[in-house]
Amino acid sequence: MCDQDTPDLAERYDAMERDVLYLLMNGKPIWSVEDIGRDIDDQPGAEDAVRGLRQAGLVNQTSDGFVFATRAGYRMVQIVGKVV
């Protein structure tokens, strides 16, 4: 038997969104969705995470596909904790 619980799909999705938001605040301020997918090694997951963050108002996406964190995204990270 396994002592550790496997994270459910919602927890993994939340963690991916958090990782993408932190990625946008760490290093370069603007990313393409393709670059995010390469960095997290999950292109479909990156697209889903960006869509969710965009719908939540935490990131903006330009017409040519680049993504950057909004003021609300920065504030959320300030409230939750520092980017590691």
PDB file of N, CA and C in Angstrom:
ATOM      1  N   MET A   1       0.826  -1.178   0.000  1.00  0.00           N
ATOM      2  CA  MET A   1       0.000   0.000   0.000  1.00  0.00           C
ATOM      3  C   MET A   1       0.872   1.244   0.000  1.00  0.00           C
ATOM      4  N   CYS A   2       0.306   2.262  -0.550  1.00  0.00           N
ATOM      5  CA  CYS A   2       1.008   3.526  -0.657  1.00  0.00           C
ATOM      6  C   CYS A   2       0.583   4.439   0.491  1.00  0.00           C
ATOM      7  N   ASP A   3       1.567   5.057   1.147  1.00  0.00           N
ATOM      8  CA  ASP A   3       1.268   5.941   2.265  1.00  0.00           C
ATOM      9  C   ASP A   3       0.880   7.345   1.818  1.00  0.00           C
ATOM     10  N   GLN A   4       1.256   7.718   0.607  1.00  0.00           N
ATOM     11  CA  GLN A   4       0.968   9.057   0.119  1.00  0.00           C
ATOM     12  C   GLN A   4      -0.271   9.050  -0.754  1.00  0.00           C
ATOM     13  N   ASP A   5      -1.104  10.076  -0.560  1.00  0.00           N
ATOM     14  CA  ASP A   5      -2.272  10.221  -1.415  1.00  0.00           C
ATOM     15  C   ASP A   5      -1.833  10.782  -2.760  1.00  0.00           C
ATOM     16  N   THR A   6      -2.415  10.299  -3.816  1.00  0.00           N
ATOM     17  CA  THR A   6      -2.137  10.876  -5.122  1.00  0.00           C
ATOM     18  C   THR A   6      -3.025  12.096  -5.293  1.00  0.00           C
ATOM     19  N   PRO A   7      -2.451  13.201  -5.753  1.00  0.00           N
ATOM     20  CA  PRO A   7      -3.265  14.405  -5.896  1.00  0.00           C
ATOM     21  C   PRO A   7      -4.331  14.207  -6.971  1.00  0.00           C
ATOM     22  N   ASP A   8      -5.516  14.727  -6.698  1.00  0.00           N
ATOM     23  CA  ASP A   8      -6.561  14.583  -7.701  1.00  0.00           C
ATOM     24  C   ASP A   8      -6.330  15.579  -8.832  1.00  0.00           C
ATOM     25  N   LEU A   9      -7.128  15.476  -9.854  1.00  0.00           N
ATOM     26  CA  LEU A   9      -6.949  16.275 -11.055  1.00  0.00           C
ATOM     27  C   LEU A   9      -7.056  17.773 -10.762  1.00  0.00           C
ATOM     28  N   ALA A  10      -7.994  18.170  -9.916  1.00  0.00           N
ATOM     29  CA  ALA A  10      -8.167  19.592  -9.585  1.00  0.00           C
ATOM     30  C   ALA A  10      -6.940  20.145  -8.863  1.00  0.00           C
ATOM     31  N   GLU A  11      -6.361  19.365  -7.958  1.00  0.00           N
ATOM     32  CA  GLU A  11      -5.168  19.818  -7.242  1.00  0.00           C
ATOM     33  C   GLU A  11      -3.986  19.978  -8.194  1.00  0.00           C
ATOM     34  N   ARG A  12      -3.835  19.054  -9.135  1.00  0.00           N
ATOM     35  CA  ARG A  12      -2.746  19.158 -10.114  1.00  0.00           C
ATOM     36  C   ARG A  12      -2.945  20.368 -11.012  1.00  0.00           C
ATOM     37  N   TYR A  13      -4.193  20.624 -11.413  1.00  0.00           N
ATOM     38  CA  TYR A  13      -4.493  21.779 -12.258  1.00  0.00           C
ATOM     39  C   TYR A  13      -4.209  23.083 -11.507  1.00  0.00           C
ATOM     40  N   ASP A  14      -4.617  23.162 -10.234  1.00  0.00           N
ATOM     41  CA  ASP A  14      -4.332  24.346  -9.422  1.00  0.00           C
ATOM     42  C   ASP A  14      -2.832  24.562  -9.279  1.00  0.00           C
ATOM     43  N   ALA A  15      -2.091  23.487  -9.061  1.00  0.00           N
ATOM     44  CA  ALA A  15      -0.641  23.594  -8.922  1.00  0.00           C
ATOM     45  C   ALA A  15      -0.010  24.073 -10.233  1.00  0.00           C
ATOM     46  N   MET A  16      -0.525  23.604 -11.368  1.00  0.00           N
ATOM     47  CA  MET A  16       0.015  24.034 -12.655  1.00  0.00           C
ATOM     48  C   MET A  16      -0.271  25.516 -12.888  1.00  0.00           C
ATOM     49  N   GLU A  17      -1.475  25.966 -12.552  1.00  0.00           N
ATOM     50  CA  GLU A  17      -1.790  27.391 -12.682  1.00  0.00           C
ATOM     51  C   GLU A  17      -0.866  28.229 -11.809  1.00  0.00           C
ATOM     52  N   ARG A  18      -0.660  27.774 -10.574  1.00  0.00           N
ATOM     53  CA  ARG A  18       0.233  28.496  -9.658  1.00  0.00           C
ATOM     54  C   ARG A  18       1.649  28.535 -10.215  1.00  0.00           C
ATOM     55  N   ASP A  19       2.128  27.428 -10.734  1.00  0.00           N
ATOM     56  CA  ASP A  19       3.476  27.378 -11.292  1.00  0.00           C
ATOM     57  C   ASP A  19       3.621  28.309 -12.491  1.00  0.00           C
ATOM     58  N   VAL A  20       2.600  28.360 -13.335  1.00  0.00           N
ATOM     59  CA  VAL A  20       2.647  29.245 -14.501  1.00  0.00           C
ATOM     60  C   VAL A  20       2.644  30.699 -14.046  1.00  0.00           C
ATOM     61  N   LEU A  21       1.817  31.043 -13.075  1.00  0.00           N
ATOM     62  CA  LEU A  21       1.792  32.416 -12.575  1.00  0.00           C
ATOM     63  C   LEU A  21       3.133  32.798 -11.960  1.00  0.00           C
ATOM     64  N   TYR A  22       3.715  31.909 -11.185  1.00  0.00           N
ATOM     65  CA  TYR A  22       5.030  32.178 -10.607  1.00  0.00           C
ATOM     66  C   TYR A  22       6.089  32.317 -11.693  1.00  0.00           C
ATOM     67  N   LEU A  23       5.986  31.507 -12.735  1.00  0.00           N
ATOM     68  CA  LEU A  23       6.932  31.577 -13.841  1.00  0.00           C
ATOM     69  C   LEU A  23       6.889  32.952 -14.504  1.00  0.00           C
ATOM     70  N   LEU A  24       5.677  33.501 -14.646  1.00  0.00           N
ATOM     71  CA  LEU A  24       5.529  34.815 -15.262  1.00  0.00           C
ATOM     72  C   LEU A  24       6.133  35.927 -14.410  1.00  0.00           C
ATOM     73  N   MET A  25       6.306  35.683 -13.130  1.00  0.00           N
ATOM     74  CA  MET A  25       6.843  36.709 -12.235  1.00  0.00           C
ATOM     75  C   MET A  25       8.312  36.506 -11.923  1.00  0.00           C
ATOM     76  N   ASN A  26       8.846  35.430 -12.375  1.00  0.00           N
ATOM     77  CA  ASN A  26      10.233  35.084 -12.091  1.00  0.00           C
ATOM     78  C   ASN A  26      11.033  35.159 -13.385  1.00  0.00           C
ATOM     79  N   GLY A  27      11.908  36.112 -13.504  1.00  0.00           N
ATOM     80  CA  GLY A  27      12.680  36.225 -14.735  1.00  0.00           C
ATOM     81  C   GLY A  27      12.047  37.196 -15.699  1.00  0.00           C
ATOM     82  N   LYS A  28      11.855  36.758 -16.933  1.00  0.00           N
ATOM     83  CA  LYS A  28      11.315  37.669 -17.939  1.00  0.00           C
ATOM     84  C   LYS A  28       9.823  37.906 -17.709  1.00  0.00           C
ATOM     85  N   PRO A  29       9.353  39.121 -17.956  1.00  0.00           N
ATOM     86  CA  PRO A  29       7.974  39.477 -17.606  1.00  0.00           C
ATOM     87  C   PRO A  29       6.914  39.039 -18.609  1.00  0.00           C
ATOM     88  N   ILE A  30       7.311  38.659 -19.818  1.00  0.00           N
ATOM     89  CA  ILE A  30       6.327  38.281 -20.830  1.00  0.00           C
ATOM     90  C   ILE A  30       6.792  36.990 -21.506  1.00  0.00           C
ATOM     91  N   TRP A  31       5.844  36.071 -21.686  1.00  0.00           N
ATOM     92  CA  TRP A  31       6.151  34.746 -22.229  1.00  0.00           C
ATOM     93  C   TRP A  31       5.159  34.400 -23.325  1.00  0.00           C
ATOM     94  N   SER A  32       5.587  33.586 -24.259  1.00  0.00           N
ATOM     95  CA  SER A  32       4.633  32.983 -25.191  1.00  0.00           C
ATOM     96  C   SER A  32       4.091  31.717 -24.529  1.00  0.00           C
ATOM     97  N   VAL A  33       2.890  31.337 -24.908  1.00  0.00           N
ATOM     98  CA  VAL A  33       2.303  30.121 -24.344  1.00  0.00           C
ATOM     99  C   VAL A  33       3.159  28.912 -24.710  1.00  0.00           C
ATOM    100  N   GLU A  34       3.739  28.926 -25.906  1.00  0.00           N
ATOM    101  CA  GLU A  34       4.609  27.820 -26.330  1.00  0.00           C
ATOM    102  C   GLU A  34       5.842  27.716 -25.435  1.00  0.00           C
ATOM    103  N   ASP A  35       6.430  28.864 -25.080  1.00  0.00           N
ATOM    104  CA  ASP A  35       7.594  28.849 -24.183  1.00  0.00           C
ATOM    105  C   ASP A  35       7.218  28.335 -22.798  1.00  0.00           C
ATOM    106  N   ILE A  36       6.038  28.721 -22.324  1.00  0.00           N
ATOM    107  CA  ILE A  36       5.572  28.218 -21.030  1.00  0.00           C
ATOM    108  C   ILE A  36       5.420  26.701 -21.096  1.00  0.00           C
ATOM    109  N   GLY A  37       4.823  26.210 -22.184  1.00  0.00           N
ATOM    110  CA  GLY A  37       4.651  24.767 -22.358  1.00  0.00           C
ATOM    111  C   GLY A  37       5.970  24.024 -22.370  1.00  0.00           C
ATOM    112  N   ARG A  38       6.964  24.601 -23.036  1.00  0.00           N
ATOM    113  CA  ARG A  38       8.292  23.966 -23.050  1.00  0.00           C
ATOM    114  C   ARG A  38       8.921  23.993 -21.657  1.00  0.00           C
ATOM    115  N   ASP A  39       8.756  25.094 -20.944  1.00  0.00           N
ATOM    116  CA  ASP A  39       9.372  25.219 -19.625  1.00  0.00           C
ATOM    117  C   ASP A  39       8.770  24.243 -18.620  1.00  0.00           C
ATOM    118  N   ILE A  40       7.451  24.073 -18.663  1.00  0.00           N
ATOM    119  CA  ILE A  40       6.823  23.137 -17.719  1.00  0.00           C
ATOM    120  C   ILE A  40       6.681  21.739 -18.313  1.00  0.00           C
ATOM    121  N   ASP A  41       7.118  21.569 -19.561  1.00  0.00           N
ATOM    122  CA  ASP A  41       7.118  20.275 -20.243  1.00  0.00           C
ATOM    123  C   ASP A  41       5.706  19.701 -20.385  1.00  0.00           C
ATOM    124  N   ASP A  42       4.746  20.587 -20.706  1.00  0.00           N
ATOM    125  CA  ASP A  42       3.357  20.147 -20.873  1.00  0.00           C
ATOM    126  C   ASP A  42       2.611  21.222 -21.670  1.00  0.00           C
ATOM    127  N   GLN A  43       2.638  21.121 -22.998  1.00  0.00           N
ATOM    128  CA  GLN A  43       2.023  22.140 -23.840  1.00  0.00           C
ATOM    129  C   GLN A  43       0.509  22.248 -23.631  1.00  0.00           C
ATOM    130  N   PRO A  44      -0.237  21.129 -23.659  1.00  0.00           N
ATOM    131  CA  PRO A  44      -1.683  21.255 -23.422  1.00  0.00           C
ATOM    132  C   PRO A  44      -1.994  21.796 -22.025  1.00  0.00           C
ATOM    133  N   GLY A  45      -1.200  21.397 -21.042  1.00  0.00           N
ATOM    134  CA  GLY A  45      -1.388  21.894 -19.677  1.00  0.00           C
ATOM    135  C   GLY A  45      -1.124  23.381 -19.577  1.00  0.00           C
ATOM    136  N   ALA A  46      -0.122  23.865 -20.303  1.00  0.00           N
ATOM    137  CA  ALA A  46       0.184  25.293 -20.306  1.00  0.00           C
ATOM    138  C   ALA A  46      -0.970  26.080 -20.903  1.00  0.00           C
ATOM    139  N   GLU A  47      -1.523  25.583 -21.986  1.00  0.00           N
ATOM    140  CA  GLU A  47      -2.658  26.263 -22.623  1.00  0.00           C
ATOM    141  C   GLU A  47      -3.860  26.308 -21.686  1.00  0.00           C
ATOM    142  N   ASP A  48      -4.135  25.212 -20.997  1.00  0.00           N
ATOM    143  CA  ASP A  48      -5.247  25.175 -20.046  1.00  0.00           C
ATOM    144  C   ASP A  48      -4.998  26.112 -18.864  1.00  0.00           C
ATOM    145  N   ALA A  49      -3.775  26.104 -18.347  1.00  0.00           N
ATOM    146  CA  ALA A  49      -3.450  26.964 -17.206  1.00  0.00           C
ATOM    147  C   ALA A  49      -3.558  28.437 -17.576  1.00  0.00           C
ATOM    148  N   VAL A  50      -3.053  28.802 -18.736  1.00  0.00           N
ATOM    149  CA  VAL A  50      -3.143  30.191 -19.184  1.00  0.00           C
ATOM    150  C   VAL A  50      -4.599  30.589 -19.357  1.00  0.00           C
ATOM    151  N   ARG A  51      -5.405  29.710 -19.925  1.00  0.00           N
ATOM    152  CA  ARG A  51      -6.826  30.010 -20.110  1.00  0.00           C
ATOM    153  C   ARG A  51      -7.500  30.248 -18.754  1.00  0.00           C
ATOM    154  N   GLY A  52      -7.225  29.386 -17.788  1.00  0.00           N
ATOM    155  CA  GLY A  52      -7.820  29.540 -16.458  1.00  0.00           C
ATOM    156  C   GLY A  52      -7.366  30.812 -15.762  1.00  0.00           C
ATOM    157  N   LEU A  53      -6.079  31.115 -15.861  1.00  0.00           N
ATOM    158  CA  LEU A  53      -5.554  32.333 -15.240  1.00  0.00           C
ATOM    159  C   LEU A  53      -6.112  33.573 -15.922  1.00  0.00           C
ATOM    160  N   ARG A  54      -6.261  33.497 -17.231  1.00  0.00           N
ATOM    161  CA  ARG A  54      -6.822  34.627 -17.972  1.00  0.00           C
ATOM    162  C   ARG A  54      -8.280  34.857 -17.567  1.00  0.00           C
ATOM    163  N   GLN A  55      -9.042  33.802 -17.449  1.00  0.00           N
ATOM    164  CA  GLN A  55     -10.444  33.924 -17.050  1.00  0.00           C
ATOM    165  C   GLN A  55     -10.580  34.446 -15.621  1.00  0.00           C
ATOM    166  N   ALA A  56      -9.595  34.161 -14.778  1.00  0.00           N
ATOM    167  CA  ALA A  56      -9.604  34.653 -13.400  1.00  0.00           C
ATOM    168  C   ALA A  56      -9.089  36.085 -13.289  1.00  0.00           C
ATOM    169  N   GLY A  57      -8.576  36.635 -14.387  1.00  0.00           N
ATOM    170  CA  GLY A  57      -8.064  38.001 -14.370  1.00  0.00           C
ATOM    171  C   GLY A  57      -6.658  38.127 -13.822  1.00  0.00           C
ATOM    172  N   LEU A  58      -5.934  37.012 -13.739  1.00  0.00           N
ATOM    173  CA  LEU A  58      -4.584  37.039 -13.173  1.00  0.00           C
ATOM    174  C   LEU A  58      -3.502  37.209 -14.223  1.00  0.00           C
ATOM    175  N   VAL A  59      -3.830  36.942 -15.486  1.00  0.00           N
ATOM    176  CA  VAL A  59      -2.902  37.193 -16.594  1.00  0.00           C
ATOM    177  C   VAL A  59      -3.668  37.815 -17.752  1.00  0.00           C
ATOM    178  N   ASN A  60      -2.939  38.522 -18.581  1.00  0.00           N
ATOM    179  CA  ASN A  60      -3.461  39.042 -19.838  1.00  0.00           C
ATOM    180  C   ASN A  60      -2.726  38.362 -20.973  1.00  0.00           C
ATOM    181  N   GLN A  61      -3.391  38.246 -22.111  1.00  0.00           N
ATOM    182  CA  GLN A  61      -2.771  37.653 -23.288  1.00  0.00           C
ATOM    183  C   GLN A  61      -2.935  38.624 -24.449  1.00  0.00           C
ATOM    184  N   THR A  62      -1.833  38.893 -25.126  1.00  0.00           N
ATOM    185  CA  THR A  62      -1.864  39.798 -26.265  1.00  0.00           C
ATOM    186  C   THR A  62      -2.458  39.082 -27.472  1.00  0.00           C
ATOM    187  N   SER A  63      -2.772  39.850 -28.504  1.00  0.00           N
ATOM    188  CA  SER A  63      -3.369  39.263 -29.701  1.00  0.00           C
ATOM    189  C   SER A  63      -2.406  38.315 -30.419  1.00  0.00           C
ATOM    190  N   ASP A  64      -1.107  38.504 -30.216  1.00  0.00           N
ATOM    191  CA  ASP A  64      -0.146  37.595 -30.845  1.00  0.00           C
ATOM    192  C   ASP A  64       0.286  36.462 -29.915  1.00  0.00           C
ATOM    193  N   GLY A  65      -0.436  36.259 -28.800  1.00  0.00           N
ATOM    194  CA  GLY A  65      -0.244  35.073 -27.980  1.00  0.00           C
ATOM    195  C   GLY A  65       0.695  35.192 -26.798  1.00  0.00           C
ATOM    196  N   PHE A  66       1.231  36.368 -26.541  1.00  0.00           N
ATOM    197  CA  PHE A  66       2.121  36.519 -25.393  1.00  0.00           C
ATOM    198  C   PHE A  66       1.310  36.766 -24.126  1.00  0.00           C
ATOM    199  N   VAL A  67       1.849  36.297 -23.000  1.00  0.00           N
ATOM    200  CA  VAL A  67       1.133  36.321 -21.730  1.00  0.00           C
ATOM    201  C   VAL A  67       1.970  37.074 -20.699  1.00  0.00           C
ATOM    202  N   PHE A  68       1.295  37.867 -19.865  1.00  0.00           N
ATOM    203  CA  PHE A  68       1.963  38.551 -18.761  1.00  0.00           C
ATOM    204  C   PHE A  68       1.002  38.659 -17.590  1.00  0.00           C
ATOM    205  N   ALA A  69       1.562  38.743 -16.387  1.00  0.00           N
ATOM    206  CA  ALA A  69       0.741  38.814 -15.177  1.00  0.00           C
ATOM    207  C   ALA A  69       0.116  40.193 -15.034  1.00  0.00           C
ATOM    208  N   THR A  70      -1.105  40.220 -14.533  1.00  0.00           N
ATOM    209  CA  THR A  70      -1.791  41.479 -14.265  1.00  0.00           C
ATOM    210  C   THR A  70      -1.428  41.960 -12.862  1.00  0.00           C
ATOM    211  N   ARG A  71      -1.892  43.150 -12.531  1.00  0.00           N
ATOM    212  CA  ARG A  71      -1.687  43.658 -11.175  1.00  0.00           C
ATOM    213  C   ARG A  71      -2.357  42.734 -10.164  1.00  0.00           C
ATOM    214  N   ALA A  72      -3.516  42.185 -10.537  1.00  0.00           N
ATOM    215  CA  ALA A  72      -4.210  41.253  -9.646  1.00  0.00           C
ATOM    216  C   ALA A  72      -3.380  39.989  -9.431  1.00  0.00           C
ATOM    217  N   GLY A  73      -2.702  39.526 -10.471  1.00  0.00           N
ATOM    218  CA  GLY A  73      -1.833  38.360 -10.332  1.00  0.00           C
ATOM    219  C   GLY A  73      -0.682  38.626  -9.382  1.00  0.00           C
ATOM    220  N   TYR A  74      -0.055  39.793  -9.524  1.00  0.00           N
ATOM    221  CA  TYR A  74       1.031  40.156  -8.611  1.00  0.00           C
ATOM    222  C   TYR A  74       0.529  40.266  -7.177  1.00  0.00           C
ATOM    223  N   ARG A  75      -0.649  40.856  -7.023  1.00  0.00           N
ATOM    224  CA  ARG A  75      -1.210  41.017  -5.675  1.00  0.00           C
ATOM    225  C   ARG A  75      -1.548  39.659  -5.069  1.00  0.00           C
ATOM    226  N   MET A  76      -2.082  38.749  -5.858  1.00  0.00           N
ATOM    227  CA  MET A  76      -2.391  37.418  -5.362  1.00  0.00           C
ATOM    228  C   MET A  76      -1.138  36.734  -4.820  1.00  0.00           C
ATOM    229  N   VAL A  77      -0.027  36.880  -5.552  1.00  0.00           N
ATOM    230  CA  VAL A  77       1.216  36.264  -5.086  1.00  0.00           C
ATOM    231  C   VAL A  77       1.704  36.948  -3.821  1.00  0.00           C
ATOM    232  N   GLN A  78       1.522  38.261  -3.703  1.00  0.00           N
ATOM    233  CA  GLN A  78       1.902  38.964  -2.478  1.00  0.00           C
ATOM    234  C   GLN A  78       1.100  38.447  -1.287  1.00  0.00           C
ATOM    235  N   ILE A  79      -0.180  38.190  -1.504  1.00  0.00           N
ATOM    236  CA  ILE A  79      -1.028  37.721  -0.413  1.00  0.00           C
ATOM    237  C   ILE A  79      -0.704  36.285  -0.024  1.00  0.00           C
ATOM    238  N   VAL A  80      -0.519  35.441  -1.038  1.00  0.00           N
ATOM    239  CA  VAL A  80      -0.285  34.010  -0.788  1.00  0.00           C
ATOM    240  C   VAL A  80       1.131  33.754  -0.272  1.00  0.00           C
ATOM    241  N   GLY A  81       2.084  34.461  -0.800  1.00  0.00           N
ATOM    242  CA  GLY A  81       3.463  34.256  -0.396  1.00  0.00           C
ATOM    243  C   GLY A  81       4.403  34.576  -1.528  1.00  0.00           C
ATOM    244  N   LYS A  82       5.634  34.583  -1.227  1.00  0.00           N
ATOM    245  CA  LYS A  82       6.660  34.947  -2.201  1.00  0.00           C
ATOM    246  C   LYS A  82       6.866  33.839  -3.219  1.00  0.00           C
ATOM    247  N   VAL A  83       7.269  34.249  -4.412  1.00  0.00           N
ATOM    248  CA  VAL A  83       7.623  33.289  -5.452  1.00  0.00           C
ATOM    249  C   VAL A  83       8.922  32.619  -5.041  1.00  0.00           C
ATOM    250  N   VAL A  84       8.937  31.312  -5.101  1.00  0.00           N
ATOM    251  CA  VAL A  84      10.134  30.562  -4.703  1.00  0.00           C
ATOM    252  C   VAL A  84      10.953  30.216  -5.906  1.00  0.00           C
TER     253      VAL A  84
END
